[in-house]
């Protein structure tokens, strides 16, 4: 009997048993992760909008069981048309995913109020003649951007949600005639640059590729960069073998960088770009003339922000404005979208 017990409890068999137990646990964990991923991939996503210029309202389910609804996307293409010229384009569908995730993050209850979305080349050219701050190649003109606010949700909360996604651009305009946040599907960046402490409050673990105004990345920058390389854009990512991907994510000049210099804390003179080619803070661009628009509210501060030419600003008699519309850095005219 003792012999039988000893045989059953052979120490040599324990490691093997432990191996099988560990493998089983690992497979269960992987299975749980797969279930979570499948749930996320199979989500049905709906957005509700109110357009502040056309006064049109729409609720659209743009994704069903993880698949884009092409008819719904066509509805959104028309709804987000240039409200001046009535021209429309094919909007970047990734923008709707970004908006949906931000809306969920901030627990929005009311429709997203749109200030600006698509802008036709003709409208953009007209606005450029009126204001030196309008980008030649705007993300709005590409159908890649939206300026908006969500009633009853602080703009700072919307900005933080956009930053945490670490996808595309996040512009912050709390002192515009109609305060709003800009989101786009372009390179990963934010403006105006936040201080180190401000950014650390959004990313307590420091795991972000967003760089503060002092030019010094947070402690988790490299980990965040690796996360984004791994996530990629549908391609295998290697910063050495495929510099084009990281250039698209971080490098070069943004088409909207002149938005990024709008009044707010900017990097000091000694600030510089960090590794990965992240943009340096832009200096404020000045508008030669405010763009008249309907439904704008008078501004009361001596310094204002304007990211899209779709917001009117009333100038104080003796104050200068720092105005940037659909930003691009001085060299942005030569950049790729």
C-alpha atoms as a PDB file:
ATOM      1  CA  UNK A   1       0.000   0.000   0.000  1.00  0.00           C
ATOM      2  CA  UNK A   2       2.806   2.394   0.923  1.00  0.00           C
ATOM      3  CA  UNK A   3       4.518   1.402  -2.290  1.00  0.00           C
ATOM      4  CA  UNK A   4       1.364   2.220  -4.226  1.00  0.00           C
ATOM      5  CA  UNK A   5       1.081   5.579  -2.502  1.00  0.00           C
ATOM      6  CA  UNK A   6       4.704   6.380  -3.228  1.00  0.00           C
ATOM      7  CA  UNK A   7       4.184   5.468  -6.879  1.00  0.00           C
ATOM      8  CA  UNK A   8       1.110   7.738  -7.094  1.00  0.00           C
ATOM      9  CA  UNK A   9       2.965  10.610  -5.436  1.00  0.00           C
ATOM     10  CA  UNK A  10       6.206  10.239  -7.364  1.00  0.00           C
ATOM     11  CA  UNK A  11       8.002  13.578  -7.019  1.00  0.00           C
ATOM     12  CA  UNK A  12       9.171  13.317 -10.597  1.00  0.00           C
ATOM     13  CA  UNK A  13       5.566  13.573 -11.767  1.00  0.00           C
ATOM     14  CA  UNK A  14       4.892  16.816  -9.880  1.00  0.00           C
ATOM     15  CA  UNK A  15       6.736  19.137 -12.260  1.00  0.00           C
ATOM     16  CA  UNK A  16       4.844  17.583 -15.140  1.00  0.00           C
ATOM     17  CA  UNK A  17       1.564  18.097 -13.311  1.00  0.00           C
ATOM     18  CA  UNK A  18       2.561  21.667 -12.548  1.00  0.00           C
ATOM     19  CA  UNK A  19       3.420  22.190 -16.201  1.00  0.00           C
ATOM     20  CA  UNK A  20       0.002  20.975 -17.310  1.00  0.00           C
ATOM     21  CA  UNK A  21      -1.701  23.131 -14.692  1.00  0.00           C
ATOM     22  CA  UNK A  22       0.250  26.197 -15.771  1.00  0.00           C
ATOM     23  CA  UNK A  23      -0.463  25.546 -19.438  1.00  0.00           C
ATOM     24  CA  UNK A  24      -4.161  25.117 -18.712  1.00  0.00           C
ATOM     25  CA  UNK A  25      -4.231  28.380 -16.745  1.00  0.00           C
ATOM     26  CA  UNK A  26      -2.440  30.195 -19.557  1.00  0.00           C
ATOM     27  CA  UNK A  27      -4.900  28.900 -22.147  1.00  0.00           C
ATOM     28  CA  UNK A  28      -7.812  29.981 -19.961  1.00  0.00           C
ATOM     29  CA  UNK A  29      -6.355  33.462 -19.625  1.00  0.00           C
ATOM     30  CA  UNK A  30      -5.760  33.654 -23.352  1.00  0.00           C
ATOM     31  CA  UNK A  31      -9.304  32.502 -23.931  1.00  0.00           C
ATOM     32  CA  UNK A  32     -10.637  35.193 -21.623  1.00  0.00           C
ATOM     33  CA  UNK A  33      -8.639  37.777 -23.502  1.00  0.00           C
ATOM     34  CA  UNK A  34      -9.948  36.472 -26.801  1.00  0.00           C
ATOM     35  CA  UNK A  35     -13.517  36.705 -25.528  1.00  0.00           C
ATOM     36  CA  UNK A  36     -12.877  40.308 -24.483  1.00  0.00           C
ATOM     37  CA  UNK A  37     -11.341  41.145 -27.848  1.00  0.00           C
ATOM     38  CA  UNK A  38     -14.194  39.479 -29.675  1.00  0.00           C
ATOM     39  CA  UNK A  39     -16.687  41.438 -27.598  1.00  0.00           C
ATOM     40  CA  UNK A  40     -14.907  44.672 -28.442  1.00  0.00           C
ATOM     41  CA  UNK A  41     -14.660  43.786 -32.116  1.00  0.00           C
ATOM     42  CA  UNK A  42     -18.333  42.864 -32.272  1.00  0.00           C
ATOM     43  CA  UNK A  43     -19.607  46.070 -30.709  1.00  0.00           C
ATOM     44  CA  UNK A  44     -22.509  47.974 -32.204  1.00  0.00           C
ATOM     45  CA  UNK A  45     -21.781  51.710 -32.179  1.00  0.00           C
ATOM     46  CA  UNK A  46     -24.242  54.577 -32.469  1.00  0.00           C
ATOM     47  CA  UNK A  47     -23.663  58.338 -32.441  1.00  0.00           C
ATOM     48  CA  UNK A  48     -26.073  61.264 -32.149  1.00  0.00           C
ATOM     49  CA  UNK A  49     -25.194  64.717 -33.516  1.00  0.00           C
ATOM     50  CA  UNK A  50     -26.579  68.233 -33.588  1.00  0.00           C
ATOM     51  CA  UNK A  51     -25.070  70.580 -36.186  1.00  0.00           C
ATOM     52  CA  UNK A  52     -24.824  74.107 -34.801  1.00  0.00           C
ATOM     53  CA  UNK A  53     -24.940  75.701 -38.270  1.00  0.00           C
ATOM     54  CA  UNK A  54     -27.439  73.643 -40.246  1.00  0.00           C
ATOM     55  CA  UNK A  55     -29.532  72.912 -37.102  1.00  0.00           C
ATOM     56  CA  UNK A  56     -29.867  69.343 -38.359  1.00  0.00           C
ATOM     57  CA  UNK A  57     -29.987  66.389 -35.967  1.00  0.00           C
ATOM     58  CA  UNK A  58     -29.110  62.788 -36.700  1.00  0.00           C
ATOM     59  CA  UNK A  59     -28.663  59.495 -34.867  1.00  0.00           C
ATOM     60  CA  UNK A  60     -26.733  56.870 -36.800  1.00  0.00           C
ATOM     61  CA  UNK A  61     -25.592  53.336 -35.994  1.00  0.00           C
ATOM     62  CA  UNK A  62     -22.394  53.339 -38.010  1.00  0.00           C
ATOM     63  CA  UNK A  63     -21.105  49.973 -36.805  1.00  0.00           C
ATOM     64  CA  UNK A  64     -23.037  46.744 -36.284  1.00  0.00           C
ATOM     65  CA  UNK A  65     -21.436  43.685 -34.691  1.00  0.00           C
ATOM     66  CA  UNK A  66     -18.002  45.128 -35.361  1.00  0.00           C
ATOM     67  CA  UNK A  67     -18.664  45.869 -39.046  1.00  0.00           C
ATOM     68  CA  UNK A  68     -19.092  49.313 -40.544  1.00  0.00           C
ATOM     69  CA  UNK A  69     -22.535  49.969 -41.981  1.00  0.00           C
ATOM     70  CA  UNK A  70     -21.825  51.444 -45.410  1.00  0.00           C
ATOM     71  CA  UNK A  71     -25.268  53.028 -45.754  1.00  0.00           C
ATOM     72  CA  UNK A  72     -24.888  54.671 -42.363  1.00  0.00           C
ATOM     73  CA  UNK A  73     -21.491  56.024 -43.384  1.00  0.00           C
ATOM     74  CA  UNK A  74     -23.055  57.528 -46.506  1.00  0.00           C
ATOM     75  CA  UNK A  75     -25.611  59.250 -44.290  1.00  0.00           C
ATOM     76  CA  UNK A  76     -22.809  60.702 -42.197  1.00  0.00           C
ATOM     77  CA  UNK A  77     -20.912  61.838 -45.287  1.00  0.00           C
ATOM     78  CA  UNK A  78     -23.944  63.879 -46.305  1.00  0.00           C
ATOM     79  CA  UNK A  79     -24.718  65.117 -42.806  1.00  0.00           C
ATOM     80  CA  UNK A  80     -21.153  66.341 -42.248  1.00  0.00           C
ATOM     81  CA  UNK A  81     -21.015  68.140 -45.596  1.00  0.00           C
ATOM     82  CA  UNK A  82     -19.589  71.656 -45.965  1.00  0.00           C
ATOM     83  CA  UNK A  83     -22.544  73.678 -44.686  1.00  0.00           C
ATOM     84  CA  UNK A  84     -21.559  76.675 -46.819  1.00  0.00           C
ATOM     85  CA  UNK A  85     -21.113  75.041 -50.223  1.00  0.00           C
ATOM     86  CA  UNK A  86     -23.117  71.842 -49.573  1.00  0.00           C
ATOM     87  CA  UNK A  87     -20.184  69.833 -50.959  1.00  0.00           C
ATOM     88  CA  UNK A  88     -19.494  66.526 -49.266  1.00  0.00           C
ATOM     89  CA  UNK A  89     -16.662  64.025 -49.078  1.00  0.00           C
ATOM     90  CA  UNK A  90     -15.999  60.526 -47.769  1.00  0.00           C
ATOM     91  CA  UNK A  91     -15.281  61.017 -44.093  1.00  0.00           C
ATOM     92  CA  UNK A  92     -12.557  58.958 -42.447  1.00  0.00           C
ATOM     93  CA  UNK A  93     -14.559  56.251 -40.677  1.00  0.00           C
ATOM     94  CA  UNK A  94     -11.894  55.993 -37.973  1.00  0.00           C
ATOM     95  CA  UNK A  95     -13.002  59.433 -36.801  1.00  0.00           C
ATOM     96  CA  UNK A  96     -16.362  57.992 -35.769  1.00  0.00           C
ATOM     97  CA  UNK A  97     -14.665  55.301 -33.695  1.00  0.00           C
ATOM     98  CA  UNK A  98     -12.594  57.964 -31.944  1.00  0.00           C
ATOM     99  CA  UNK A  99     -15.693  60.065 -31.262  1.00  0.00           C
ATOM    100  CA  UNK A 100     -17.617  57.037 -30.002  1.00  0.00           C
ATOM    101  CA  UNK A 101     -14.856  56.018 -27.606  1.00  0.00           C
ATOM    102  CA  UNK A 102     -14.455  59.565 -26.292  1.00  0.00           C
ATOM    103  CA  UNK A 103     -18.221  59.909 -25.842  1.00  0.00           C
ATOM    104  CA  UNK A 104     -18.319  56.639 -23.895  1.00  0.00           C
ATOM    105  CA  UNK A 105     -15.326  57.668 -21.788  1.00  0.00           C
ATOM    106  CA  UNK A 106     -16.945  60.952 -20.694  1.00  0.00           C
ATOM    107  CA  UNK A 107     -20.349  59.272 -20.215  1.00  0.00           C
ATOM    108  CA  UNK A 108     -22.061  61.706 -22.565  1.00  0.00           C
ATOM    109  CA  UNK A 109     -25.849  61.955 -22.390  1.00  0.00           C
ATOM    110  CA  UNK A 110     -26.705  64.572 -25.012  1.00  0.00           C
ATOM    111  CA  UNK A 111     -25.922  64.703 -28.745  1.00  0.00           C
ATOM    112  CA  UNK A 112     -22.489  65.828 -29.877  1.00  0.00           C
ATOM    113  CA  UNK A 113     -22.730  69.469 -30.991  1.00  0.00           C
ATOM    114  CA  UNK A 114     -20.720  70.032 -34.170  1.00  0.00           C
ATOM    115  CA  UNK A 115     -18.944  73.330 -34.826  1.00  0.00           C
ATOM    116  CA  UNK A 116     -17.077  72.193 -37.922  1.00  0.00           C
ATOM    117  CA  UNK A 117     -16.354  69.009 -39.835  1.00  0.00           C
ATOM    118  CA  UNK A 118     -15.778  68.738 -43.592  1.00  0.00           C
ATOM    119  CA  UNK A 119     -14.590  71.867 -45.385  1.00  0.00           C
ATOM    120  CA  UNK A 120     -14.388  71.949 -49.176  1.00  0.00           C
ATOM    121  CA  UNK A 121     -11.255  73.201 -50.969  1.00  0.00           C
ATOM    122  CA  UNK A 122     -13.195  76.239 -52.212  1.00  0.00           C
ATOM    123  CA  UNK A 123     -14.356  77.133 -48.715  1.00  0.00           C
ATOM    124  CA  UNK A 124     -10.898  76.564 -47.317  1.00  0.00           C
ATOM    125  CA  UNK A 125      -9.385  78.838 -49.972  1.00  0.00           C
ATOM    126  CA  UNK A 126     -11.953  81.523 -49.180  1.00  0.00           C
ATOM    127  CA  UNK A 127     -11.171  81.309 -45.483  1.00  0.00           C
ATOM    128  CA  UNK A 128      -7.439  81.442 -46.184  1.00  0.00           C
ATOM    129  CA  UNK A 129      -7.975  84.749 -47.980  1.00  0.00           C
ATOM    130  CA  UNK A 130      -9.708  86.069 -44.880  1.00  0.00           C
ATOM    131  CA  UNK A 131      -7.321  84.710 -42.279  1.00  0.00           C
ATOM    132  CA  UNK A 132      -3.624  83.905 -42.256  1.00  0.00           C
ATOM    133  CA  UNK A 133      -4.267  81.163 -39.713  1.00  0.00           C
ATOM    134  CA  UNK A 134      -6.148  78.795 -42.027  1.00  0.00           C
ATOM    135  CA  UNK A 135      -4.142  75.738 -43.000  1.00  0.00           C
ATOM    136  CA  UNK A 136      -3.553  75.153 -46.690  1.00  0.00           C
ATOM    137  CA  UNK A 137      -4.046  71.417 -46.196  1.00  0.00           C
ATOM    138  CA  UNK A 138      -6.445  71.184 -43.279  1.00  0.00           C
ATOM    139  CA  UNK A 139      -7.505  67.912 -41.687  1.00  0.00           C
ATOM    140  CA  UNK A 140     -11.034  69.284 -42.051  1.00  0.00           C
ATOM    141  CA  UNK A 141     -10.549  69.566 -45.810  1.00  0.00           C
ATOM    142  CA  UNK A 142      -9.529  65.886 -45.875  1.00  0.00           C
ATOM    143  CA  UNK A 143     -12.644  64.753 -44.013  1.00  0.00           C
ATOM    144  CA  UNK A 144     -10.469  63.671 -41.106  1.00  0.00           C
ATOM    145  CA  UNK A 145     -11.513  66.107 -38.364  1.00  0.00           C
ATOM    146  CA  UNK A 146     -14.322  67.461 -36.247  1.00  0.00           C
ATOM    147  CA  UNK A 147     -14.616  70.426 -33.883  1.00  0.00           C
ATOM    148  CA  UNK A 148     -17.318  69.840 -31.278  1.00  0.00           C
ATOM    149  CA  UNK A 149     -18.498  69.983 -27.701  1.00  0.00           C
ATOM    150  CA  UNK A 150     -20.837  67.818 -25.641  1.00  0.00           C
ATOM    151  CA  UNK A 151     -23.388  69.668 -23.512  1.00  0.00           C
ATOM    152  CA  UNK A 152     -22.860  69.283 -19.762  1.00  0.00           C
ATOM    153  CA  UNK A 153     -19.407  67.736 -20.241  1.00  0.00           C
ATOM    154  CA  UNK A 154     -16.373  69.930 -19.390  1.00  0.00           C
ATOM    155  CA  UNK A 155     -14.031  70.502 -22.323  1.00  0.00           C
ATOM    156  CA  UNK A 156     -11.085  69.416 -20.162  1.00  0.00           C
ATOM    157  CA  UNK A 157     -12.750  66.032 -19.693  1.00  0.00           C
ATOM    158  CA  UNK A 158     -13.259  65.642 -23.451  1.00  0.00           C
ATOM    159  CA  UNK A 159      -9.645  66.596 -24.111  1.00  0.00           C
ATOM    160  CA  UNK A 160      -8.375  64.090 -21.545  1.00  0.00           C
ATOM    161  CA  UNK A 161     -10.449  61.309 -23.107  1.00  0.00           C
ATOM    162  CA  UNK A 162      -9.049  62.155 -26.537  1.00  0.00           C
ATOM    163  CA  UNK A 163      -5.497  62.205 -25.224  1.00  0.00           C
ATOM    164  CA  UNK A 164      -5.852  58.831 -23.524  1.00  0.00           C
ATOM    165  CA  UNK A 165      -6.730  57.195 -26.840  1.00  0.00           C
ATOM    166  CA  UNK A 166      -3.342  58.274 -28.241  1.00  0.00           C
ATOM    167  CA  UNK A 167      -4.762  58.309 -31.740  1.00  0.00           C
ATOM    168  CA  UNK A 168      -4.764  61.388 -33.921  1.00  0.00           C
ATOM    169  CA  UNK A 169      -4.725  65.042 -32.940  1.00  0.00           C
ATOM    170  CA  UNK A 170      -6.389  66.736 -29.970  1.00  0.00           C
ATOM    171  CA  UNK A 171      -6.876  70.510 -30.023  1.00  0.00           C
ATOM    172  CA  UNK A 172      -8.263  72.482 -27.079  1.00  0.00           C
ATOM    173  CA  UNK A 173     -10.092  75.814 -27.528  1.00  0.00           C
ATOM    174  CA  UNK A 174     -11.793  76.812 -24.271  1.00  0.00           C
ATOM    175  CA  UNK A 175     -11.790  80.554 -25.000  1.00  0.00           C
ATOM    176  CA  UNK A 176     -13.118  80.444 -28.547  1.00  0.00           C
ATOM    177  CA  UNK A 177     -16.395  82.223 -29.255  1.00  0.00           C
ATOM    178  CA  UNK A 178     -18.000  78.771 -29.062  1.00  0.00           C
ATOM    179  CA  UNK A 179     -15.570  76.675 -26.973  1.00  0.00           C
ATOM    180  CA  UNK A 180     -14.760  73.278 -28.423  1.00  0.00           C
ATOM    181  CA  UNK A 181     -12.327  70.378 -28.755  1.00  0.00           C
ATOM    182  CA  UNK A 182     -10.796  69.364 -32.092  1.00  0.00           C
ATOM    183  CA  UNK A 183     -10.223  65.667 -32.835  1.00  0.00           C
ATOM    184  CA  UNK A 184      -8.724  64.230 -36.001  1.00  0.00           C
ATOM    185  CA  UNK A 185      -7.226  61.041 -37.398  1.00  0.00           C
ATOM    186  CA  UNK A 186      -3.893  62.599 -38.284  1.00  0.00           C
ATOM    187  CA  UNK A 187      -0.595  62.233 -36.443  1.00  0.00           C
ATOM    188  CA  UNK A 188      -0.566  61.776 -32.669  1.00  0.00           C
ATOM    189  CA  UNK A 189      -0.202  65.241 -31.130  1.00  0.00           C
ATOM    190  CA  UNK A 190      -1.968  67.786 -28.951  1.00  0.00           C
ATOM    191  CA  UNK A 191      -2.149  71.550 -28.744  1.00  0.00           C
ATOM    192  CA  UNK A 192      -1.656  73.802 -27.021  1.00  0.00           C
ATOM    193  CA  UNK A 193       1.062  71.859 -25.247  1.00  0.00           C
ATOM    194  CA  UNK A 194       0.181  70.907 -21.680  1.00  0.00           C
ATOM    195  CA  UNK A 195       2.631  71.258 -18.810  1.00  0.00           C
ATOM    196  CA  UNK A 196       4.340  68.218 -17.343  1.00  0.00           C
ATOM    197  CA  UNK A 197       2.025  68.228 -14.314  1.00  0.00           C
ATOM    198  CA  UNK A 198      -1.097  68.618 -16.444  1.00  0.00           C
ATOM    199  CA  UNK A 199      -0.126  65.698 -18.652  1.00  0.00           C
ATOM    200  CA  UNK A 200       0.854  63.580 -15.654  1.00  0.00           C
ATOM    201  CA  UNK A 201      -2.659  64.004 -14.257  1.00  0.00           C
ATOM    202  CA  UNK A 202      -4.052  62.493 -17.465  1.00  0.00           C
ATOM    203  CA  UNK A 203      -1.394  59.756 -17.522  1.00  0.00           C
ATOM    204  CA  UNK A 204      -0.491  58.955 -13.870  1.00  0.00           C
ATOM    205  CA  UNK A 205       1.745  56.083 -15.004  1.00  0.00           C
ATOM    206  CA  UNK A 206       3.509  58.341 -17.522  1.00  0.00           C
ATOM    207  CA  UNK A 207       2.742  55.935 -20.351  1.00  0.00           C
ATOM    208  CA  UNK A 208       2.128  58.363 -23.192  1.00  0.00           C
ATOM    209  CA  UNK A 209       3.788  59.594 -26.364  1.00  0.00           C
ATOM    210  CA  UNK A 210       2.342  63.066 -25.790  1.00  0.00           C
ATOM    211  CA  UNK A 211       5.161  65.396 -24.776  1.00  0.00           C
ATOM    212  CA  UNK A 212       4.669  68.288 -22.334  1.00  0.00           C
ATOM    213  CA  UNK A 213       5.568  71.904 -23.000  1.00  0.00           C
ATOM    214  CA  UNK A 214       9.047  71.545 -21.476  1.00  0.00           C
ATOM    215  CA  UNK A 215       9.949  69.025 -24.185  1.00  0.00           C
ATOM    216  CA  UNK A 216      10.786  66.258 -21.708  1.00  0.00           C
ATOM    217  CA  UNK A 217       8.742  63.059 -22.237  1.00  0.00           C
ATOM    218  CA  UNK A 218       7.039  61.412 -19.284  1.00  0.00           C
ATOM    219  CA  UNK A 219       8.727  58.349 -17.783  1.00  0.00           C
ATOM    220  CA  UNK A 220       6.578  55.855 -19.688  1.00  0.00           C
ATOM    221  CA  UNK A 221       7.194  57.399 -23.110  1.00  0.00           C
ATOM    222  CA  UNK A 222       9.201  54.495 -24.532  1.00  0.00           C
ATOM    223  CA  UNK A 223       6.635  51.945 -23.334  1.00  0.00           C
ATOM    224  CA  UNK A 224       3.837  53.967 -24.919  1.00  0.00           C
ATOM    225  CA  UNK A 225       5.813  54.265 -28.130  1.00  0.00           C
ATOM    226  CA  UNK A 226       6.297  50.495 -28.180  1.00  0.00           C
ATOM    227  CA  UNK A 227       2.566  50.037 -27.626  1.00  0.00           C
ATOM    228  CA  UNK A 228       1.794  52.207 -30.633  1.00  0.00           C
ATOM    229  CA  UNK A 229       4.403  50.508 -32.799  1.00  0.00           C
ATOM    230  CA  UNK A 230       2.842  47.173 -31.903  1.00  0.00           C
ATOM    231  CA  UNK A 231      -0.636  48.494 -32.580  1.00  0.00           C
ATOM    232  CA  UNK A 232       0.541  49.952 -35.854  1.00  0.00           C
ATOM    233  CA  UNK A 233      -1.783  50.937 -38.626  1.00  0.00           C
ATOM    234  CA  UNK A 234      -2.469  47.582 -40.197  1.00  0.00           C
ATOM    235  CA  UNK A 235       1.254  47.075 -40.948  1.00  0.00           C
ATOM    236  CA  UNK A 236       4.147  45.436 -39.160  1.00  0.00           C
ATOM    237  CA  UNK A 237       5.931  48.213 -37.342  1.00  0.00           C
ATOM    238  CA  UNK A 238       9.663  48.806 -37.162  1.00  0.00           C
ATOM    239  CA  UNK A 239      10.949  52.319 -36.673  1.00  0.00           C
ATOM    240  CA  UNK A 240      14.175  51.400 -38.434  1.00  0.00           C
ATOM    241  CA  UNK A 241      12.949  49.307 -41.299  1.00  0.00           C
ATOM    242  CA  UNK A 242       9.731  51.227 -41.816  1.00  0.00           C
ATOM    243  CA  UNK A 243      10.314  54.849 -40.850  1.00  0.00           C
ATOM    244  CA  UNK A 244       7.323  55.913 -42.907  1.00  0.00           C
ATOM    245  CA  UNK A 245       4.853  54.571 -40.351  1.00  0.00           C
ATOM    246  CA  UNK A 246       6.341  56.417 -37.438  1.00  0.00           C
ATOM    247  CA  UNK A 247       6.693  59.515 -39.563  1.00  0.00           C
ATOM    248  CA  UNK A 248       2.967  59.263 -40.188  1.00  0.00           C
ATOM    249  CA  UNK A 249       2.308  58.848 -36.485  1.00  0.00           C
ATOM    250  CA  UNK A 250       4.761  61.337 -35.043  1.00  0.00           C
ATOM    251  CA  UNK A 251       7.101  62.835 -37.542  1.00  0.00           C
ATOM    252  CA  UNK A 252       7.187  65.862 -39.758  1.00  0.00           C
ATOM    253  CA  UNK A 253       4.871  68.813 -39.689  1.00  0.00           C
ATOM    254  CA  UNK A 254       1.163  68.472 -39.193  1.00  0.00           C
ATOM    255  CA  UNK A 255      -1.273  70.039 -41.572  1.00  0.00           C
ATOM    256  CA  UNK A 256      -2.935  71.667 -38.585  1.00  0.00           C
ATOM    257  CA  UNK A 257       0.040  72.695 -36.504  1.00  0.00           C
ATOM    258  CA  UNK A 258      -0.681  76.391 -36.663  1.00  0.00           C
ATOM    259  CA  UNK A 259      -3.721  75.554 -34.527  1.00  0.00           C
ATOM    260  CA  UNK A 260      -1.306  74.359 -31.918  1.00  0.00           C
ATOM    261  CA  UNK A 261       0.123  77.781 -31.216  1.00  0.00           C
ATOM    262  CA  UNK A 262      -3.126  79.304 -30.044  1.00  0.00           C
ATOM    263  CA  UNK A 263      -2.955  81.200 -26.771  1.00  0.00           C
ATOM    264  CA  UNK A 264      -2.096  78.909 -23.900  1.00  0.00           C
ATOM    265  CA  UNK A 265       1.126  77.796 -22.201  1.00  0.00           C
ATOM    266  CA  UNK A 266       3.628  77.127 -24.970  1.00  0.00           C
ATOM    267  CA  UNK A 267       7.025  75.504 -24.802  1.00  0.00           C
ATOM    268  CA  UNK A 268       9.868  77.679 -23.623  1.00  0.00           C
ATOM    269  CA  UNK A 269      12.524  78.838 -26.045  1.00  0.00           C
ATOM    270  CA  UNK A 270      14.745  75.947 -25.082  1.00  0.00           C
ATOM    271  CA  UNK A 271      12.027  73.335 -25.705  1.00  0.00           C
ATOM    272  CA  UNK A 272      12.836  70.896 -28.453  1.00  0.00           C
ATOM    273  CA  UNK A 273      11.361  67.913 -30.192  1.00  0.00           C
ATOM    274  CA  UNK A 274      11.786  64.620 -28.402  1.00  0.00           C
ATOM    275  CA  UNK A 275      12.772  61.265 -29.875  1.00  0.00           C
ATOM    276  CA  UNK A 276      10.372  59.838 -32.381  1.00  0.00           C
ATOM    277  CA  UNK A 277      10.077  63.156 -34.205  1.00  0.00           C
ATOM    278  CA  UNK A 278       7.185  64.514 -32.107  1.00  0.00           C
ATOM    279  CA  UNK A 279       6.353  68.071 -33.112  1.00  0.00           C
ATOM    280  CA  UNK A 280       7.750  71.072 -31.327  1.00  0.00           C
ATOM    281  CA  UNK A 281       5.275  73.575 -29.914  1.00  0.00           C
ATOM    282  CA  UNK A 282       4.197  76.112 -32.483  1.00  0.00           C
ATOM    283  CA  UNK A 283       4.158  79.815 -31.933  1.00  0.00           C
ATOM    284  CA  UNK A 284       0.865  81.698 -32.069  1.00  0.00           C
ATOM    285  CA  UNK A 285      -0.404  82.626 -35.478  1.00  0.00           C
ATOM    286  CA  UNK A 286      -2.221  85.920 -35.810  1.00  0.00           C
ATOM    287  CA  UNK A 287      -5.351  86.424 -37.790  1.00  0.00           C
ATOM    288  CA  UNK A 288      -5.693  89.498 -39.974  1.00  0.00           C
ATOM    289  CA  UNK A 289      -9.465  89.476 -39.782  1.00  0.00           C
ATOM    290  CA  UNK A 290     -12.094  87.614 -37.769  1.00  0.00           C
ATOM    291  CA  UNK A 291     -14.329  85.355 -39.822  1.00  0.00           C
ATOM    292  CA  UNK A 292     -18.003  86.333 -39.522  1.00  0.00           C
ATOM    293  CA  UNK A 293     -20.139  83.356 -38.625  1.00  0.00           C
ATOM    294  CA  UNK A 294     -23.684  82.793 -37.321  1.00  0.00           C
ATOM    295  CA  UNK A 295     -24.528  81.704 -33.791  1.00  0.00           C
ATOM    296  CA  UNK A 296     -21.258  82.871 -32.316  1.00  0.00           C
ATOM    297  CA  UNK A 297     -21.147  84.133 -28.742  1.00  0.00           C
ATOM    298  CA  UNK A 298     -19.190  87.302 -27.883  1.00  0.00           C
ATOM    299  CA  UNK A 299     -15.869  86.624 -26.243  1.00  0.00           C
ATOM    300  CA  UNK A 300     -14.805  88.522 -23.147  1.00  0.00           C
ATOM    301  CA  UNK A 301     -11.123  87.769 -22.718  1.00  0.00           C
ATOM    302  CA  UNK A 302      -8.286  89.709 -24.269  1.00  0.00           C
ATOM    303  CA  UNK A 303      -6.857  86.534 -25.818  1.00  0.00           C
ATOM    304  CA  UNK A 304      -8.892  84.052 -27.826  1.00  0.00           C
ATOM    305  CA  UNK A 305      -8.597  80.690 -29.458  1.00  0.00           C
ATOM    306  CA  UNK A 306      -9.976  79.710 -32.832  1.00  0.00           C
ATOM    307  CA  UNK A 307      -9.257  76.367 -34.437  1.00  0.00           C
ATOM    308  CA  UNK A 308     -11.722  76.365 -37.253  1.00  0.00           C
ATOM    309  CA  UNK A 309     -12.885  79.274 -39.291  1.00  0.00           C
ATOM    310  CA  UNK A 310     -16.401  78.338 -38.299  1.00  0.00           C
ATOM    311  CA  UNK A 311     -16.427  80.338 -35.079  1.00  0.00           C
ATOM    312  CA  UNK A 312     -16.851  84.084 -34.851  1.00  0.00           C
ATOM    313  CA  UNK A 313     -14.818  86.120 -32.386  1.00  0.00           C
ATOM    314  CA  UNK A 314     -15.628  89.676 -31.334  1.00  0.00           C
ATOM    315  CA  UNK A 315     -12.389  91.590 -30.850  1.00  0.00           C
ATOM    316  CA  UNK A 316     -11.892  93.936 -27.862  1.00  0.00           C
ATOM    317  CA  UNK A 317     -11.114  97.483 -28.928  1.00  0.00           C
ATOM    318  CA  UNK A 318      -7.537  97.524 -27.656  1.00  0.00           C
ATOM    319  CA  UNK A 319      -6.607  93.892 -27.568  1.00  0.00           C
ATOM    320  CA  UNK A 320      -4.891  91.684 -30.077  1.00  0.00           C
ATOM    321  CA  UNK A 321      -6.113  88.202 -30.765  1.00  0.00           C
ATOM    322  CA  UNK A 322      -4.078  85.068 -31.015  1.00  0.00           C
ATOM    323  CA  UNK A 323      -6.027  83.246 -33.647  1.00  0.00           C
ATOM    324  CA  UNK A 324      -5.301  80.011 -35.456  1.00  0.00           C
ATOM    325  CA  UNK A 325      -7.660  78.378 -37.886  1.00  0.00           C
ATOM    326  CA  UNK A 326      -7.305  74.735 -39.020  1.00  0.00           C
ATOM    327  CA  UNK A 327      -3.691  74.767 -38.093  1.00  0.00           C
ATOM    328  CA  UNK A 328      -0.583  74.106 -40.033  1.00  0.00           C
ATOM    329  CA  UNK A 329       2.979  74.936 -39.077  1.00  0.00           C
ATOM    330  CA  UNK A 330       4.829  77.281 -41.440  1.00  0.00           C
ATOM    331  CA  UNK A 331       6.126  74.298 -43.372  1.00  0.00           C
ATOM    332  CA  UNK A 332       2.842  72.402 -43.280  1.00  0.00           C
ATOM    333  CA  UNK A 333       1.979  73.410 -46.796  1.00  0.00           C
ATOM    334  CA  UNK A 334       4.549  70.936 -48.012  1.00  0.00           C
ATOM    335  CA  UNK A 335       3.574  68.088 -45.713  1.00  0.00           C
ATOM    336  CA  UNK A 336       1.554  65.032 -46.500  1.00  0.00           C
ATOM    337  CA  UNK A 337      -1.934  64.538 -45.032  1.00  0.00           C
END
